[in-house]
Amino acid sequence: MDEPLADGAVVLVADDDEVVRTLAVRALEKAGYRVLKTSDGLETLRAMTHGQPDLVLLDIGMPALDGKAVMRIVSHMGDRAPTIVFFTALDGVEARAEGLAMGAADYITKPFSPGDLVARVGVALRG
């Protein structure tokens, strides 16, 4: 995976865990994505407005506003809404089904493989 895959896409990594956020940012930057990062739900909404990401990797368990609340707000953005991929430690069939039913393009659980993360972001961006 030495070739950039990004085509200039901007990805926002929204996660309150600094270690997870750093690992995800590194993997995405290495693949050629421009990456923004936030650590809480309110900061994520501001970054979505000002940074205009193409895709948001959205943790569910964040302070200020959790990922589900952010997703509910994003669902009202219409054509301006970025692609959302839930990026969370919450696992299980019910959690995945709920996230996808909310409109997420994918649901990635942590811990994650950097290669899998990059590949799934690419697929989600292609729509």
C-alpha atoms as a PDB file:
ATOM      1  CA  MET A   1       0.000   0.000   0.000  1.00  0.00           C
ATOM      2  CA  ASP A   2       2.645   2.530  -1.035  1.00  0.00           C
ATOM      3  CA  GLU A   3       0.439   4.446  -3.488  1.00  0.00           C
ATOM      4  CA  PRO A   4      -1.701   7.288  -2.105  1.00  0.00           C
ATOM      5  CA  LEU A   5      -5.377   6.401  -2.148  1.00  0.00           C
ATOM      6  CA  ALA A   6      -6.845   9.687  -1.022  1.00  0.00           C
ATOM      7  CA  ASP A   7      -7.522  11.812  -4.132  1.00  0.00           C
ATOM      8  CA  GLY A   8      -7.364  14.926  -1.930  1.00  0.00           C
ATOM      9  CA  ALA A   9     -10.114  13.800   0.437  1.00  0.00           C
ATOM     10  CA  VAL A  10     -10.343  15.341   3.909  1.00  0.00           C
ATOM     11  CA  VAL A  11     -11.025  12.982   6.817  1.00  0.00           C
ATOM     12  CA  LEU A  12     -11.956  14.169  10.305  1.00  0.00           C
ATOM     13  CA  VAL A  13     -10.950  11.775  13.096  1.00  0.00           C
ATOM     14  CA  ALA A  14     -13.265  12.476  16.044  1.00  0.00           C
ATOM     15  CA  ASP A  15     -12.124  10.470  19.056  1.00  0.00           C
ATOM     16  CA  ASP A  16     -11.438  11.404  22.673  1.00  0.00           C
ATOM     17  CA  ASP A  17      -8.695   8.769  23.058  1.00  0.00           C
ATOM     18  CA  GLU A  18      -5.437  10.467  22.069  1.00  0.00           C
ATOM     19  CA  VAL A  19      -3.618   7.192  21.321  1.00  0.00           C
ATOM     20  CA  VAL A  20      -6.381   5.901  19.034  1.00  0.00           C
ATOM     21  CA  ARG A  21      -6.687   9.306  17.367  1.00  0.00           C
ATOM     22  CA  THR A  22      -2.935   9.482  16.724  1.00  0.00           C
ATOM     23  CA  LEU A  23      -2.799   5.969  15.237  1.00  0.00           C
ATOM     24  CA  ALA A  24      -5.748   6.668  12.947  1.00  0.00           C
ATOM     25  CA  VAL A  25      -4.326  10.037  11.846  1.00  0.00           C
ATOM     26  CA  ARG A  26      -0.944   8.495  11.020  1.00  0.00           C
ATOM     27  CA  ALA A  27      -2.487   5.689   8.957  1.00  0.00           C
ATOM     28  CA  LEU A  28      -4.709   8.077   7.012  1.00  0.00           C
ATOM     29  CA  GLU A  29      -1.961  10.646   6.397  1.00  0.00           C
ATOM     30  CA  LYS A  30       0.356   7.892   5.180  1.00  0.00           C
ATOM     31  CA  ALA A  31      -2.345   6.932   2.668  1.00  0.00           C
ATOM     32  CA  GLY A  32      -2.440  10.534   1.429  1.00  0.00           C
ATOM     33  CA  TYR A  33      -5.538  11.873   3.154  1.00  0.00           C
ATOM     34  CA  ARG A  34      -5.655  15.365   4.613  1.00  0.00           C
ATOM     35  CA  VAL A  35      -6.665  14.763   8.223  1.00  0.00           C
ATOM     36  CA  LEU A  36      -8.359  16.923  10.832  1.00  0.00           C
ATOM     37  CA  LYS A  37      -8.819  15.768  14.427  1.00  0.00           C
ATOM     38  CA  THR A  38     -11.150  16.522  17.316  1.00  0.00           C
ATOM     39  CA  SER A  39     -11.712  15.084  20.766  1.00  0.00           C
ATOM     40  CA  ASP A  40     -15.319  15.925  21.664  1.00  0.00           C
ATOM     41  CA  GLY A  41     -18.688  16.223  19.987  1.00  0.00           C
ATOM     42  CA  LEU A  42     -18.985  20.016  20.011  1.00  0.00           C
ATOM     43  CA  GLU A  43     -15.496  20.431  18.582  1.00  0.00           C
ATOM     44  CA  THR A  44     -16.441  17.862  15.932  1.00  0.00           C
ATOM     45  CA  LEU A  45     -19.502  19.845  14.841  1.00  0.00           C
ATOM     46  CA  ARG A  46     -17.401  23.036  14.597  1.00  0.00           C
ATOM     47  CA  ALA A  47     -14.741  21.237  12.550  1.00  0.00           C
ATOM     48  CA  MET A  48     -17.417  19.838  10.237  1.00  0.00           C
ATOM     49  CA  THR A  49     -18.609  23.371   9.558  1.00  0.00           C
ATOM     50  CA  HIS A  50     -15.194  24.993   9.126  1.00  0.00           C
ATOM     51  CA  GLY A  51     -13.039  22.130   7.828  1.00  0.00           C
ATOM     52  CA  GLN A  52     -15.645  20.654   5.495  1.00  0.00           C
ATOM     53  CA  PRO A  53     -14.467  17.039   5.739  1.00  0.00           C
ATOM     54  CA  ASP A  54     -15.505  14.500   3.146  1.00  0.00           C
ATOM     55  CA  LEU A  55     -15.707  11.787   5.818  1.00  0.00           C
ATOM     56  CA  VAL A  56     -15.862  11.739   9.614  1.00  0.00           C
ATOM     57  CA  LEU A  57     -14.578   8.800  11.656  1.00  0.00           C
ATOM     58  CA  LEU A  58     -16.921   9.302  14.596  1.00  0.00           C
ATOM     59  CA  ASP A  59     -16.387   7.783  18.019  1.00  0.00           C
ATOM     60  CA  ILE A  60     -19.621   7.143  19.890  1.00  0.00           C
ATOM     61  CA  GLY A  61     -18.337   7.681  23.447  1.00  0.00           C
ATOM     62  CA  MET A  62     -17.096  11.286  23.391  1.00  0.00           C
ATOM     63  CA  PRO A  63     -17.537  14.118  25.902  1.00  0.00           C
ATOM     64  CA  ALA A  64     -19.718  17.219  25.370  1.00  0.00           C
ATOM     65  CA  LEU A  65     -21.886  15.475  22.737  1.00  0.00           C
ATOM     66  CA  ASP A  66     -21.615  11.771  22.053  1.00  0.00           C
ATOM     67  CA  GLY A  67     -21.289  10.406  18.537  1.00  0.00           C
ATOM     68  CA  LYS A  68     -24.960   9.455  18.315  1.00  0.00           C
ATOM     69  CA  ALA A  69     -26.007  13.047  19.092  1.00  0.00           C
ATOM     70  CA  VAL A  70     -23.549  14.329  16.488  1.00  0.00           C
ATOM     71  CA  MET A  71     -24.981  11.850  13.979  1.00  0.00           C
ATOM     72  CA  ARG A  72     -28.538  13.029  14.667  1.00  0.00           C
ATOM     73  CA  ILE A  73     -27.459  16.623  13.947  1.00  0.00           C
ATOM     74  CA  VAL A  74     -25.551  15.593  10.808  1.00  0.00           C
ATOM     75  CA  SER A  75     -28.631  13.796   9.488  1.00  0.00           C
ATOM     76  CA  HIS A  76     -30.300  17.214   9.117  1.00  0.00           C
ATOM     77  CA  MET A  77     -27.445  18.706   7.053  1.00  0.00           C
ATOM     78  CA  GLY A  78     -28.707  17.263   3.785  1.00  0.00           C
ATOM     79  CA  ASP A  79     -26.258  17.506   0.874  1.00  0.00           C
ATOM     80  CA  ARG A  80     -23.721  19.337   3.052  1.00  0.00           C
ATOM     81  CA  ALA A  81     -23.337  16.312   5.346  1.00  0.00           C
ATOM     82  CA  PRO A  82     -20.063  14.408   5.208  1.00  0.00           C
ATOM     83  CA  THR A  83     -19.975  10.629   5.040  1.00  0.00           C
ATOM     84  CA  ILE A  84     -20.026   9.238   8.581  1.00  0.00           C
ATOM     85  CA  VAL A  85     -18.251   6.078   9.696  1.00  0.00           C
ATOM     86  CA  PHE A  86     -18.738   5.118  13.324  1.00  0.00           C
ATOM     87  CA  PHE A  87     -15.364   4.338  14.895  1.00  0.00           C
ATOM     88  CA  THR A  88     -15.938   2.842  18.319  1.00  0.00           C
ATOM     89  CA  ALA A  89     -15.170   0.219  20.912  1.00  0.00           C
ATOM     90  CA  LEU A  90     -18.890  -0.619  21.124  1.00  0.00           C
ATOM     91  CA  ASP A  91     -19.197  -3.979  19.443  1.00  0.00           C
ATOM     92  CA  GLY A  92     -21.991  -6.409  18.848  1.00  0.00           C
ATOM     93  CA  VAL A  93     -24.711  -6.953  16.303  1.00  0.00           C
ATOM     94  CA  GLU A  94     -27.207  -4.573  17.940  1.00  0.00           C
ATOM     95  CA  ALA A  95     -24.700  -1.702  18.203  1.00  0.00           C
ATOM     96  CA  ARG A  96     -23.633  -2.141  14.581  1.00  0.00           C
ATOM     97  CA  ALA A  97     -27.223  -2.366  13.368  1.00  0.00           C
ATOM     98  CA  GLU A  98     -28.165   0.776  15.286  1.00  0.00           C
ATOM     99  CA  GLY A  99     -25.193   2.720  13.884  1.00  0.00           C
ATOM    100  CA  LEU A 100     -25.960   1.707  10.321  1.00  0.00           C
ATOM    101  CA  ALA A 101     -29.666   2.417  10.802  1.00  0.00           C
ATOM    102  CA  MET A 102     -28.721   5.946  11.921  1.00  0.00           C
ATOM    103  CA  GLY A 103     -27.167   6.452   8.485  1.00  0.00           C
ATOM    104  CA  ALA A 104     -23.501   5.599   8.977  1.00  0.00           C
ATOM    105  CA  ALA A 105     -21.717   4.324   5.867  1.00  0.00           C
ATOM    106  CA  ASP A 106     -19.743   1.819   7.963  1.00  0.00           C
ATOM    107  CA  TYR A 107     -19.053   0.781  11.540  1.00  0.00           C
ATOM    108  CA  ILE A 108     -15.433   0.113  12.497  1.00  0.00           C
ATOM    109  CA  THR A 109     -14.642  -1.327  15.907  1.00  0.00           C
ATOM    110  CA  LYS A 110     -11.552  -0.734  18.005  1.00  0.00           C
ATOM    111  CA  PRO A 111      -8.956  -2.036  18.280  1.00  0.00           C
ATOM    112  CA  PHE A 112      -8.457  -1.611  14.555  1.00  0.00           C
ATOM    113  CA  SER A 113      -5.939  -2.539  11.886  1.00  0.00           C
ATOM    114  CA  PRO A 114      -4.494   0.569  10.183  1.00  0.00           C
ATOM    115  CA  GLY A 115      -4.669  -1.144   6.771  1.00  0.00           C
ATOM    116  CA  ASP A 116      -8.297  -2.130   7.300  1.00  0.00           C
ATOM    117  CA  LEU A 117      -9.147   1.396   8.459  1.00  0.00           C
ATOM    118  CA  VAL A 118      -7.615   2.984   5.347  1.00  0.00           C
ATOM    119  CA  ALA A 119      -9.310   0.472   3.040  1.00  0.00           C
ATOM    120  CA  ARG A 120     -12.736   0.957   4.615  1.00  0.00           C
ATOM    121  CA  VAL A 121     -12.427   4.746   4.557  1.00  0.00           C
ATOM    122  CA  GLY A 122     -11.638   4.471   0.830  1.00  0.00           C
ATOM    123  CA  VAL A 123     -14.684   2.306   0.217  1.00  0.00           C
ATOM    124  CA  ALA A 124     -16.952   4.635   2.226  1.00  0.00           C
ATOM    125  CA  LEU A 125     -15.719   7.657   0.269  1.00  0.00           C
ATOM    126  CA  ARG A 126     -16.427   5.936  -3.050  1.00  0.00           C
ATOM    127  CA  GLY A 127     -19.978   5.502  -1.786  1.00  0.00           C
END
